[in-house]
């Protein structure tokens, strides 16, 4: 859904700092978090929705993409749930970007 090159640009990291497999894992976790928080299934913007897409399908727009990038950056920067100095929470911008897309059951 998000290219590794875009993640590296957002995070300003070189290939020798964080490997692609870990970044892909972060993207998968970010997508799962956004899908769980919005109660929607994400689909890439550059592909047509499949015929069997659920009613709660959400085509990824720039706001959702940015939320995913913020989450990936958060996961990369904070590799544990808490640190010795402070508890770490998700960036505030993530909630603001995904809340308008929340799906409420009919």
PDB file of N, CA and C in Angstrom:
ATOM      1  N   UNK A   1       0.812  -1.193   0.000  1.00  0.00           N
ATOM      2  CA  UNK A   1       0.000   0.000   0.000  1.00  0.00           C
ATOM      3  C   UNK A   1       0.860   1.263   0.000  1.00  0.00           C
ATOM      4  N   UNK A   2       1.954   1.216   0.726  1.00  0.00           N
ATOM      5  CA  UNK A   2       2.891   2.339   0.734  1.00  0.00           C
ATOM      6  C   UNK A   2       4.250   1.786   0.322  1.00  0.00           C
ATOM      7  N   UNK A   3       4.883   2.482  -0.599  1.00  0.00           N
ATOM      8  CA  UNK A   3       6.178   2.040  -1.097  1.00  0.00           C
ATOM      9  C   UNK A   3       7.267   2.267  -0.050  1.00  0.00           C
ATOM     10  N   UNK A   4       8.232   1.353  -0.027  1.00  0.00           N
ATOM     11  CA  UNK A   4       9.358   1.461   0.901  1.00  0.00           C
ATOM     12  C   UNK A   4      10.119   2.764   0.676  1.00  0.00           C
ATOM     13  N   UNK A   5      10.245   3.169  -0.585  1.00  0.00           N
ATOM     14  CA  UNK A   5      10.965   4.413  -0.877  1.00  0.00           C
ATOM     15  C   UNK A   5      10.263   5.623  -0.236  1.00  0.00           C
ATOM     16  N   UNK A   6       8.921   5.614  -0.219  1.00  0.00           N
ATOM     17  CA  UNK A   6       8.177   6.699   0.405  1.00  0.00           C
ATOM     18  C   UNK A   6       8.373   6.692   1.923  1.00  0.00           C
ATOM     19  N   UNK A   7       8.424   5.507   2.495  1.00  0.00           N
ATOM     20  CA  UNK A   7       8.665   5.387   3.935  1.00  0.00           C
ATOM     21  C   UNK A   7      10.050   5.917   4.271  1.00  0.00           C
ATOM     22  N   UNK A   8      11.040   5.523   3.496  1.00  0.00           N
ATOM     23  CA  UNK A   8      12.409   5.988   3.749  1.00  0.00           C
ATOM     24  C   UNK A   8      12.503   7.504   3.617  1.00  0.00           C
ATOM     25  N   UNK A   9      11.803   8.067   2.654  1.00  0.00           N
ATOM     26  CA  UNK A   9      11.792   9.515   2.484  1.00  0.00           C
ATOM     27  C   UNK A   9      11.128  10.196   3.675  1.00  0.00           C
ATOM     28  N   UNK A  10       9.979   9.688   4.116  1.00  0.00           N
ATOM     29  CA  UNK A  10       9.264  10.254   5.261  1.00  0.00           C
ATOM     30  C   UNK A  10      10.118  10.195   6.528  1.00  0.00           C
ATOM     31  N   UNK A  11      10.764   9.062   6.748  1.00  0.00           N
ATOM     32  CA  UNK A  11      11.522   8.857   7.986  1.00  0.00           C
ATOM     33  C   UNK A  11      12.961   9.360   7.893  1.00  0.00           C
ATOM     34  N   UNK A  12      13.367   9.710   6.667  1.00  0.00           N
ATOM     35  CA  UNK A  12      14.745  10.155   6.428  1.00  0.00           C
ATOM     36  C   UNK A  12      15.750   9.124   6.909  1.00  0.00           C
ATOM     37  N   UNK A  13      15.520   7.873   6.470  1.00  0.00           N
ATOM     38  CA  UNK A  13      16.426   6.790   6.852  1.00  0.00           C
ATOM     39  C   UNK A  13      17.026   6.151   5.613  1.00  0.00           C
ATOM     40  N   UNK A  14      18.231   5.678   5.765  1.00  0.00           N
ATOM     41  CA  UNK A  14      18.962   4.996   4.698  1.00  0.00           C
ATOM     42  C   UNK A  14      18.743   3.483   4.823  1.00  0.00           C
ATOM     43  N   UNK A  15      18.964   2.751   3.721  1.00  0.00           N
ATOM     44  CA  UNK A  15      18.753   1.295   3.758  1.00  0.00           C
ATOM     45  C   UNK A  15      19.550   0.572   4.836  1.00  0.00           C
ATOM     46  N   UNK A  16      20.708   1.087   5.210  1.00  0.00           N
ATOM     47  CA  UNK A  16      21.508   0.389   6.225  1.00  0.00           C
ATOM     48  C   UNK A  16      21.030   0.670   7.660  1.00  0.00           C
ATOM     49  N   UNK A  17      20.070   1.572   7.824  1.00  0.00           N
ATOM     50  CA  UNK A  17      19.568   1.900   9.160  1.00  0.00           C
ATOM     51  C   UNK A  17      18.431   0.975   9.604  1.00  0.00           C
ATOM     52  N   UNK A  18      17.511   0.665   8.701  1.00  0.00           N
ATOM     53  CA  UNK A  18      16.378  -0.218   8.988  1.00  0.00           C
ATOM     54  C   UNK A  18      16.104  -1.026   7.731  1.00  0.00           C
ATOM     55  N   UNK A  19      16.004  -2.348   7.860  1.00  0.00           N
ATOM     56  CA  UNK A  19      15.836  -3.156   6.649  1.00  0.00           C
ATOM     57  C   UNK A  19      14.387  -3.152   6.151  1.00  0.00           C
ATOM     58  N   UNK A  20      14.234  -3.497   4.878  1.00  0.00           N
ATOM     59  CA  UNK A  20      12.923  -3.465   4.221  1.00  0.00           C
ATOM     60  C   UNK A  20      11.914  -4.388   4.891  1.00  0.00           C
ATOM     61  N   UNK A  21      12.356  -5.557   5.330  1.00  0.00           N
ATOM     62  CA  UNK A  21      11.428  -6.510   5.944  1.00  0.00           C
ATOM     63  C   UNK A  21      10.782  -5.917   7.195  1.00  0.00           C
ATOM     64  N   UNK A  22      11.564  -5.203   7.983  1.00  0.00           N
ATOM     65  CA  UNK A  22      11.017  -4.586   9.191  1.00  0.00           C
ATOM     66  C   UNK A  22      10.052  -3.457   8.829  1.00  0.00           C
ATOM     67  N   UNK A  23      10.403  -2.663   7.830  1.00  0.00           N
ATOM     68  CA  UNK A  23       9.504  -1.590   7.399  1.00  0.00           C
ATOM     69  C   UNK A  23       8.189  -2.153   6.872  1.00  0.00           C
ATOM     70  N   UNK A  24       8.258  -3.262   6.141  1.00  0.00           N
ATOM     71  CA  UNK A  24       7.031  -3.900   5.644  1.00  0.00           C
ATOM     72  C   UNK A  24       6.179  -4.409   6.801  1.00  0.00           C
ATOM     73  N   UNK A  25       6.821  -4.908   7.831  1.00  0.00           N
ATOM     74  CA  UNK A  25       6.080  -5.364   9.016  1.00  0.00           C
ATOM     75  C   UNK A  25       5.391  -4.177   9.693  1.00  0.00           C
ATOM     76  N   UNK A  26       6.088  -3.048   9.781  1.00  0.00           N
ATOM     77  CA  UNK A  26       5.487  -1.840  10.350  1.00  0.00           C
ATOM     78  C   UNK A  26       4.271  -1.402   9.537  1.00  0.00           C
ATOM     79  N   UNK A  27       4.387  -1.457   8.210  1.00  0.00           N
ATOM     80  CA  UNK A  27       3.257  -1.078   7.355  1.00  0.00           C
ATOM     81  C   UNK A  27       2.074  -2.002   7.607  1.00  0.00           C
ATOM     82  N   UNK A  28       2.334  -3.297   7.688  1.00  0.00           N
ATOM     83  CA  UNK A  28       1.256  -4.251   7.964  1.00  0.00           C
ATOM     84  C   UNK A  28       0.575  -3.970   9.293  1.00  0.00           C
ATOM     85  N   UNK A  29       1.360  -3.649  10.306  1.00  0.00           N
ATOM     86  CA  UNK A  29       0.791  -3.324  11.617  1.00  0.00           C
ATOM     87  C   UNK A  29       0.007  -2.015  11.560  1.00  0.00           C
ATOM     88  N   UNK A  30       0.521  -1.040  10.818  1.00  0.00           N
ATOM     89  CA  UNK A  30      -0.168   0.245  10.689  1.00  0.00           C
ATOM     90  C   UNK A  30      -1.502   0.072   9.969  1.00  0.00           C
ATOM     91  N   UNK A  31      -1.509  -0.710   8.899  1.00  0.00           N
ATOM     92  CA  UNK A  31      -2.748  -0.968   8.164  1.00  0.00           C
ATOM     93  C   UNK A  31      -3.757  -1.669   9.084  1.00  0.00           C
ATOM     94  N   UNK A  32      -3.304  -2.665   9.814  1.00  0.00           N
ATOM     95  CA  UNK A  32      -4.198  -3.379  10.725  1.00  0.00           C
ATOM     96  C   UNK A  32      -4.770  -2.443  11.782  1.00  0.00           C
ATOM     97  N   UNK A  33      -3.942  -1.558  12.319  1.00  0.00           N
ATOM     98  CA  UNK A  33      -4.414  -0.621  13.331  1.00  0.00           C
ATOM     99  C   UNK A  33      -5.473   0.313  12.750  1.00  0.00           C
ATOM    100  N   UNK A  34      -5.214   0.866  11.574  1.00  0.00           N
ATOM    101  CA  UNK A  34      -6.184   1.777  10.945  1.00  0.00           C
ATOM    102  C   UNK A  34      -7.466   1.031  10.610  1.00  0.00           C
ATOM    103  N   UNK A  35      -7.363  -0.180  10.078  1.00  0.00           N
ATOM    104  CA  UNK A  35      -8.567  -0.954   9.769  1.00  0.00           C
ATOM    105  C   UNK A  35      -9.365  -1.248  11.038  1.00  0.00           C
ATOM    106  N   UNK A  36      -8.687  -1.588  12.112  1.00  0.00           N
ATOM    107  CA  UNK A  36      -9.382  -1.873  13.371  1.00  0.00           C
ATOM    108  C   UNK A  36     -10.023  -0.635  13.966  1.00  0.00           C
ATOM    109  N   UNK A  37      -9.329   0.477  13.923  1.00  0.00           N
ATOM    110  CA  UNK A  37      -9.862   1.717  14.510  1.00  0.00           C
ATOM    111  C   UNK A  37     -11.003   2.303  13.688  1.00  0.00           C
ATOM    112  N   UNK A  38     -10.970   2.107  12.366  1.00  0.00           N
ATOM    113  CA  UNK A  38     -12.021   2.667  11.519  1.00  0.00           C
ATOM    114  C   UNK A  38     -13.142   1.670  11.252  1.00  0.00           C
ATOM    115  N   UNK A  39     -12.886   0.394  11.515  1.00  0.00           N
ATOM    116  CA  UNK A  39     -13.841  -0.668  11.218  1.00  0.00           C
ATOM    117  C   UNK A  39     -14.072  -0.780   9.713  1.00  0.00           C
ATOM    118  N   UNK A  40     -12.993  -0.559   8.954  1.00  0.00           N
ATOM    119  CA  UNK A  40     -13.083  -0.584   7.495  1.00  0.00           C
ATOM    120  C   UNK A  40     -11.920  -1.383   6.924  1.00  0.00           C
ATOM    121  N   UNK A  41     -12.095  -1.837   5.700  1.00  0.00           N
ATOM    122  CA  UNK A  41     -11.055  -2.563   4.972  1.00  0.00           C
ATOM    123  C   UNK A  41     -10.393  -1.588   4.009  1.00  0.00           C
ATOM    124  N   UNK A  42      -9.063  -1.412   4.130  1.00  0.00           N
ATOM    125  CA  UNK A  42      -8.327  -0.483   3.273  1.00  0.00           C
ATOM    126  C   UNK A  42      -7.972  -1.111   1.933  1.00  0.00           C
ATOM    127  N   UNK A  43      -8.047  -0.290   0.897  1.00  0.00           N
ATOM    128  CA  UNK A  43      -7.646  -0.692  -0.450  1.00  0.00           C
ATOM    129  C   UNK A  43      -6.768   0.400  -1.039  1.00  0.00           C
ATOM    130  N   UNK A  44      -5.761   0.005  -1.831  1.00  0.00           N
ATOM    131  CA  UNK A  44      -4.879   1.002  -2.447  1.00  0.00           C
ATOM    132  C   UNK A  44      -5.647   1.928  -3.387  1.00  0.00           C
ATOM    133  N   UNK A  45      -5.199   3.177  -3.455  1.00  0.00           N
ATOM    134  CA  UNK A  45      -5.868   4.170  -4.293  1.00  0.00           C
ATOM    135  C   UNK A  45      -5.622   3.944  -5.778  1.00  0.00           C
ATOM    136  N   UNK A  46      -4.519   3.308  -6.112  1.00  0.00           N
ATOM    137  CA  UNK A  46      -4.155   3.157  -7.525  1.00  0.00           C
ATOM    138  C   UNK A  46      -4.714   1.897  -8.171  1.00  0.00           C
ATOM    139  N   UNK A  47      -5.593   1.197  -7.481  1.00  0.00           N
ATOM    140  CA  UNK A  47      -6.206  -0.021  -8.021  1.00  0.00           C
ATOM    141  C   UNK A  47      -7.723   0.084  -7.890  1.00  0.00           C
ATOM    142  N   UNK A  48      -8.461  -0.458  -8.855  1.00  0.00           N
ATOM    143  CA  UNK A  48      -9.923  -0.452  -8.709  1.00  0.00           C
ATOM    144  C   UNK A  48     -10.351  -1.388  -7.578  1.00  0.00           C
ATOM    145  N   UNK A  49     -11.447  -1.047  -6.943  1.00  0.00           N
ATOM    146  CA  UNK A  49     -11.970  -1.926  -5.893  1.00  0.00           C
ATOM    147  C   UNK A  49     -12.366  -3.264  -6.503  1.00  0.00           C
ATOM    148  N   UNK A  50     -12.058  -4.355  -5.845  1.00  0.00           N
ATOM    149  CA  UNK A  50     -12.501  -5.649  -6.352  1.00  0.00           C
ATOM    150  C   UNK A  50     -14.019  -5.764  -6.297  1.00  0.00           C
ATOM    151  N   UNK A  51     -14.567  -6.601  -7.135  1.00  0.00           N
ATOM    152  CA  UNK A  51     -16.023  -6.774  -7.198  1.00  0.00           C
ATOM    153  C   UNK A  51     -16.598  -7.247  -5.869  1.00  0.00           C
ATOM    154  N   UNK A  52     -15.806  -7.999  -5.120  1.00  0.00           N
ATOM    155  CA  UNK A  52     -16.293  -8.535  -3.843  1.00  0.00           C
ATOM    156  C   UNK A  52     -15.882  -7.671  -2.645  1.00  0.00           C
ATOM    157  N   UNK A  53     -15.539  -6.407  -2.886  1.00  0.00           N
ATOM    158  CA  UNK A  53     -15.157  -5.516  -1.784  1.00  0.00           C
ATOM    159  C   UNK A  53     -16.332  -5.358  -0.824  1.00  0.00           C
ATOM    160  N   UNK A  54     -16.045  -5.342   0.472  1.00  0.00           N
ATOM    161  CA  UNK A  54     -17.140  -5.197   1.437  1.00  0.00           C
ATOM    162  C   UNK A  54     -17.735  -3.794   1.419  1.00  0.00           C
ATOM    163  N   UNK A  55     -18.888  -3.646   2.026  1.00  0.00           N
ATOM    164  CA  UNK A  55     -19.563  -2.350   2.070  1.00  0.00           C
ATOM    165  C   UNK A  55     -18.738  -1.300   2.806  1.00  0.00           C
ATOM    166  N   UNK A  56     -17.882  -1.747   3.710  1.00  0.00           N
ATOM    167  CA  UNK A  56     -17.058  -0.805   4.468  1.00  0.00           C
ATOM    168  C   UNK A  56     -15.689  -0.568   3.825  1.00  0.00           C
ATOM    169  N   UNK A  57     -15.567  -0.849   2.543  1.00  0.00           N
ATOM    170  CA  UNK A  57     -14.303  -0.631   1.831  1.00  0.00           C
ATOM    171  C   UNK A  57     -13.907   0.837   1.891  1.00  0.00           C
ATOM    172  N   UNK A  58     -12.630   1.082   2.057  1.00  0.00           N
ATOM    173  CA  UNK A  58     -12.107   2.445   2.112  1.00  0.00           C
ATOM    174  C   UNK A  58     -10.895   2.541   1.197  1.00  0.00           C
ATOM    175  N   UNK A  59     -11.016   3.355   0.167  1.00  0.00           N
ATOM    176  CA  UNK A  59      -9.884   3.590  -0.724  1.00  0.00           C
ATOM    177  C   UNK A  59      -8.963   4.577  -0.025  1.00  0.00           C
ATOM    178  N   UNK A  60      -7.699   4.220   0.046  1.00  0.00           N
ATOM    179  CA  UNK A  60      -6.721   5.011   0.776  1.00  0.00           C
ATOM    180  C   UNK A  60      -6.504   6.367   0.108  1.00  0.00           C
ATOM    181  N   UNK A  61      -6.805   7.443   0.834  1.00  0.00           N
ATOM    182  CA  UNK A  61      -6.548   8.787   0.325  1.00  0.00           C
ATOM    183  C   UNK A  61      -5.254   9.309   0.954  1.00  0.00           C
ATOM    184  N   UNK A  62      -4.920  10.568   0.676  1.00  0.00           N
ATOM    185  CA  UNK A  62      -3.681  11.126   1.204  1.00  0.00           C
ATOM    186  C   UNK A  62      -3.670  11.165   2.728  1.00  0.00           C
ATOM    187  N   UNK A  63      -4.809  11.433   3.341  1.00  0.00           N
ATOM    188  CA  UNK A  63      -4.876  11.473   4.799  1.00  0.00           C
ATOM    189  C   UNK A  63      -4.599  10.121   5.424  1.00  0.00           C
ATOM    190  N   UNK A  64      -5.182   9.084   4.857  1.00  0.00           N
ATOM    191  CA  UNK A  64      -4.940   7.728   5.372  1.00  0.00           C
ATOM    192  C   UNK A  64      -3.477   7.341   5.141  1.00  0.00           C
ATOM    193  N   UNK A  65      -2.948   7.673   3.969  1.00  0.00           N
ATOM    194  CA  UNK A  65      -1.537   7.370   3.684  1.00  0.00           C
ATOM    195  C   UNK A  65      -0.630   8.073   4.688  1.00  0.00           C
ATOM    196  N   UNK A  66      -0.924   9.325   5.000  1.00  0.00           N
ATOM    197  CA  UNK A  66      -0.117  10.055   5.974  1.00  0.00           C
ATOM    198  C   UNK A  66      -0.243   9.424   7.355  1.00  0.00           C
ATOM    199  N   UNK A  67      -1.453   9.018   7.742  1.00  0.00           N
ATOM    200  CA  UNK A  67      -1.630   8.336   9.034  1.00  0.00           C
ATOM    201  C   UNK A  67      -0.774   7.079   9.091  1.00  0.00           C
ATOM    202  N   UNK A  68      -0.751   6.313   7.999  1.00  0.00           N
ATOM    203  CA  UNK A  68       0.079   5.110   7.954  1.00  0.00           C
ATOM    204  C   UNK A  68       1.555   5.457   8.082  1.00  0.00           C
ATOM    205  N   UNK A  69       1.990   6.506   7.390  1.00  0.00           N
ATOM    206  CA  UNK A  69       3.394   6.927   7.482  1.00  0.00           C
ATOM    207  C   UNK A  69       3.737   7.391   8.899  1.00  0.00           C
ATOM    208  N   UNK A  70       2.828   8.110   9.545  1.00  0.00           N
ATOM    209  CA  UNK A  70       3.064   8.534  10.929  1.00  0.00           C
ATOM    210  C   UNK A  70       3.191   7.328  11.856  1.00  0.00           C
ATOM    211  N   UNK A  71       2.335   6.335  11.635  1.00  0.00           N
ATOM    212  CA  UNK A  71       2.407   5.133  12.459  1.00  0.00           C
ATOM    213  C   UNK A  71       3.705   4.372  12.222  1.00  0.00           C
ATOM    214  N   UNK A  72       4.103   4.241  10.971  1.00  0.00           N
ATOM    215  CA  UNK A  72       5.360   3.548  10.669  1.00  0.00           C
ATOM    216  C   UNK A  72       6.521   4.275  11.340  1.00  0.00           C
ATOM    217  N   UNK A  73       6.518   5.608  11.270  1.00  0.00           N
ATOM    218  CA  UNK A  73       7.562   6.382  11.940  1.00  0.00           C
ATOM    219  C   UNK A  73       7.548   6.166  13.442  1.00  0.00           C
ATOM    220  N   UNK A  74       6.358   6.114  14.008  1.00  0.00           N
ATOM    221  CA  UNK A  74       6.220   5.867  15.442  1.00  0.00           C
ATOM    222  C   UNK A  74       6.772   4.486  15.804  1.00  0.00           C
ATOM    223  N   UNK A  75       6.410   3.486  15.026  1.00  0.00           N
ATOM    224  CA  UNK A  75       6.886   2.132  15.301  1.00  0.00           C
ATOM    225  C   UNK A  75       8.409   2.042  15.176  1.00  0.00           C
ATOM    226  N   UNK A  76       8.970   2.743  14.189  1.00  0.00           N
ATOM    227  CA  UNK A  76      10.416   2.709  13.982  1.00  0.00           C
ATOM    228  C   UNK A  76      11.157   3.431  15.109  1.00  0.00           C
ATOM    229  N   UNK A  77      10.596   4.542  15.532  1.00  0.00           N
ATOM    230  CA  UNK A  77      11.242   5.349  16.573  1.00  0.00           C
ATOM    231  C   UNK A  77      11.093   4.733  17.959  1.00  0.00           C
ATOM    232  N   UNK A  78       9.966   4.081  18.205  1.00  0.00           N
ATOM    233  CA  UNK A  78       9.646   3.524  19.525  1.00  0.00           C
ATOM    234  C   UNK A  78       9.473   2.024  19.390  1.00  0.00           C
ATOM    235  N   UNK A  79      10.529   1.309  19.544  1.00  0.00           N
ATOM    236  CA  UNK A  79      10.498  -0.130  19.286  1.00  0.00           C
ATOM    237  C   UNK A  79      10.012  -0.948  20.465  1.00  0.00           C
ATOM    238  N   UNK A  80       9.482  -0.286  21.460  1.00  0.00           N
ATOM    239  CA  UNK A  80       8.858  -0.962  22.591  1.00  0.00           C
ATOM    240  C   UNK A  80       7.633  -0.134  22.986  1.00  0.00           C
ATOM    241  N   UNK A  81       6.746  -0.716  23.762  1.00  0.00           N
ATOM    242  CA  UNK A  81       5.518  -0.015  24.155  1.00  0.00           C
ATOM    243  C   UNK A  81       5.825   1.197  25.026  1.00  0.00           C
ATOM    244  N   UNK A  82       6.833   1.088  25.871  1.00  0.00           N
ATOM    245  CA  UNK A  82       7.236   2.209  26.721  1.00  0.00           C
ATOM    246  C   UNK A  82       8.748   2.312  26.720  1.00  0.00           C
ATOM    247  N   UNK A  83       9.227   3.433  27.192  1.00  0.00           N
ATOM    248  CA  UNK A  83      10.667   3.629  27.325  1.00  0.00           C
ATOM    249  C   UNK A  83      10.995   3.823  28.793  1.00  0.00           C
ATOM    250  N   UNK A  84      12.263   3.892  29.110  1.00  0.00           N
ATOM    251  CA  UNK A  84      12.675   4.106  30.488  1.00  0.00           C
ATOM    252  C   UNK A  84      12.222   5.481  30.976  1.00  0.00           C
ATOM    253  N   UNK A  85      12.206   6.452  30.077  1.00  0.00           N
ATOM    254  CA  UNK A  85      11.908   7.820  30.482  1.00  0.00           C
ATOM    255  C   UNK A  85      10.434   8.186  30.413  1.00  0.00           C
ATOM    256  N   UNK A  86       9.673   7.579  29.515  1.00  0.00           N
ATOM    257  CA  UNK A  86       8.283   8.011  29.366  1.00  0.00           C
ATOM    258  C   UNK A  86       7.448   6.966  28.645  1.00  0.00           C
ATOM    259  N   UNK A  87       6.160   6.982  28.935  1.00  0.00           N
ATOM    260  CA  UNK A  87       5.232   6.162  28.160  1.00  0.00           C
ATOM    261  C   UNK A  87       5.082   6.809  26.791  1.00  0.00           C
ATOM    262  N   UNK A  88       4.951   6.002  25.762  1.00  0.00           N
ATOM    263  CA  UNK A  88       4.858   6.505  24.403  1.00  0.00           C
ATOM    264  C   UNK A  88       3.476   6.183  23.863  1.00  0.00           C
ATOM    265  N   UNK A  89       2.801   7.192  23.338  1.00  0.00           N
ATOM    266  CA  UNK A  89       1.482   6.993  22.755  1.00  0.00           C
ATOM    267  C   UNK A  89       1.540   7.270  21.265  1.00  0.00           C
ATOM    268  N   UNK A  90       0.488   6.865  20.562  1.00  0.00           N
ATOM    269  CA  UNK A  90       0.427   7.111  19.123  1.00  0.00           C
ATOM    270  C   UNK A  90       0.381   8.607  18.842  1.00  0.00           C
ATOM    271  N   UNK A  91       0.962   9.020  17.724  1.00  0.00           N
ATOM    272  CA  UNK A  91       0.909  10.448  17.385  1.00  0.00           C
ATOM    273  C   UNK A  91      -0.532  10.940  17.273  1.00  0.00           C
ATOM    274  N   UNK A  92      -0.805  12.121  17.817  1.00  0.00           N
ATOM    275  CA  UNK A  92      -2.146  12.691  17.813  1.00  0.00           C
ATOM    276  C   UNK A  92      -2.706  12.802  16.406  1.00  0.00           C
ATOM    277  N   UNK A  93      -1.881  13.144  15.436  1.00  0.00           N
ATOM    278  CA  UNK A  93      -2.346  13.322  14.069  1.00  0.00           C
ATOM    279  C   UNK A  93      -2.991  12.086  13.490  1.00  0.00           C
ATOM    280  N   UNK A  94      -2.605  10.913  13.938  1.00  0.00           N
ATOM    281  CA  UNK A  94      -3.172   9.671  13.411  1.00  0.00           C
ATOM    282  C   UNK A  94      -4.673   9.627  13.675  1.00  0.00           C
ATOM    283  N   UNK A  95      -5.067   9.871  14.891  1.00  0.00           N
ATOM    284  CA  UNK A  95      -6.502   9.843  15.231  1.00  0.00           C
ATOM    285  C   UNK A  95      -7.262  10.891  14.431  1.00  0.00           C
ATOM    286  N   UNK A  96      -6.693  12.074  14.310  1.00  0.00           N
ATOM    287  CA  UNK A  96      -7.361  13.141  13.569  1.00  0.00           C
ATOM    288  C   UNK A  96      -7.529  12.782  12.093  1.00  0.00           C
ATOM    289  N   UNK A  97      -6.574  12.058  11.542  1.00  0.00           N
ATOM    290  CA  UNK A  97      -6.635  11.693  10.129  1.00  0.00           C
ATOM    291  C   UNK A  97      -7.595  10.541   9.854  1.00  0.00           C
ATOM    292  N   UNK A  98      -7.712   9.603  10.796  1.00  0.00           N
ATOM    293  CA  UNK A  98      -8.542   8.425  10.518  1.00  0.00           C
ATOM    294  C   UNK A  98      -9.960   8.525  11.080  1.00  0.00           C
ATOM    295  N   UNK A  99     -10.189   9.354  12.099  1.00  0.00           N
ATOM    296  CA  UNK A  99     -11.524   9.425  12.707  1.00  0.00           C
ATOM    297  C   UNK A  99     -12.648   9.760  11.729  1.00  0.00           C
ATOM    298  N   UNK A 100     -12.442  10.650  10.755  1.00  0.00           N
ATOM    299  CA  UNK A 100     -13.539  10.932   9.823  1.00  0.00           C
ATOM    300  C   UNK A 100     -13.951   9.731   8.972  1.00  0.00           C
ATOM    301  N   UNK A 101     -13.107   8.709   8.936  1.00  0.00           N
ATOM    302  CA  UNK A 101     -13.379   7.532   8.100  1.00  0.00           C
ATOM    303  C   UNK A 101     -13.964   6.366   8.891  1.00  0.00           C
ATOM    304  N   UNK A 102     -14.261   6.583  10.160  1.00  0.00           N
ATOM    305  CA  UNK A 102     -14.791   5.488  10.980  1.00  0.00           C
ATOM    306  C   UNK A 102     -16.122   5.007  10.422  1.00  0.00           C
ATOM    307  N   UNK A 103     -16.321   3.707  10.469  1.00  0.00           N
ATOM    308  CA  UNK A 103     -17.534   3.053   9.964  1.00  0.00           C
ATOM    309  C   UNK A 103     -18.367   2.626  11.156  1.00  0.00           C
ATOM    310  N   UNK A 104     -19.615   3.044  11.135  1.00  0.00           N
ATOM    311  CA  UNK A 104     -20.538   2.619  12.186  1.00  0.00           C
ATOM    312  C   UNK A 104     -21.554   1.694  11.537  1.00  0.00           C
ATOM    313  N   UNK A 105     -21.815   0.583  12.159  1.00  0.00           N
ATOM    314  CA  UNK A 105     -22.727  -0.402  11.592  1.00  0.00           C
ATOM    315  C   UNK A 105     -24.106   0.196  11.380  1.00  0.00           C
ATOM    316  N   UNK A 106     -24.756  -0.278  10.336  1.00  0.00           N
ATOM    317  CA  UNK A 106     -26.115   0.201  10.014  1.00  0.00           C
ATOM    318  C   UNK A 106     -27.125  -0.318  11.004  1.00  0.00           C
TER     319      UNK A 106
END
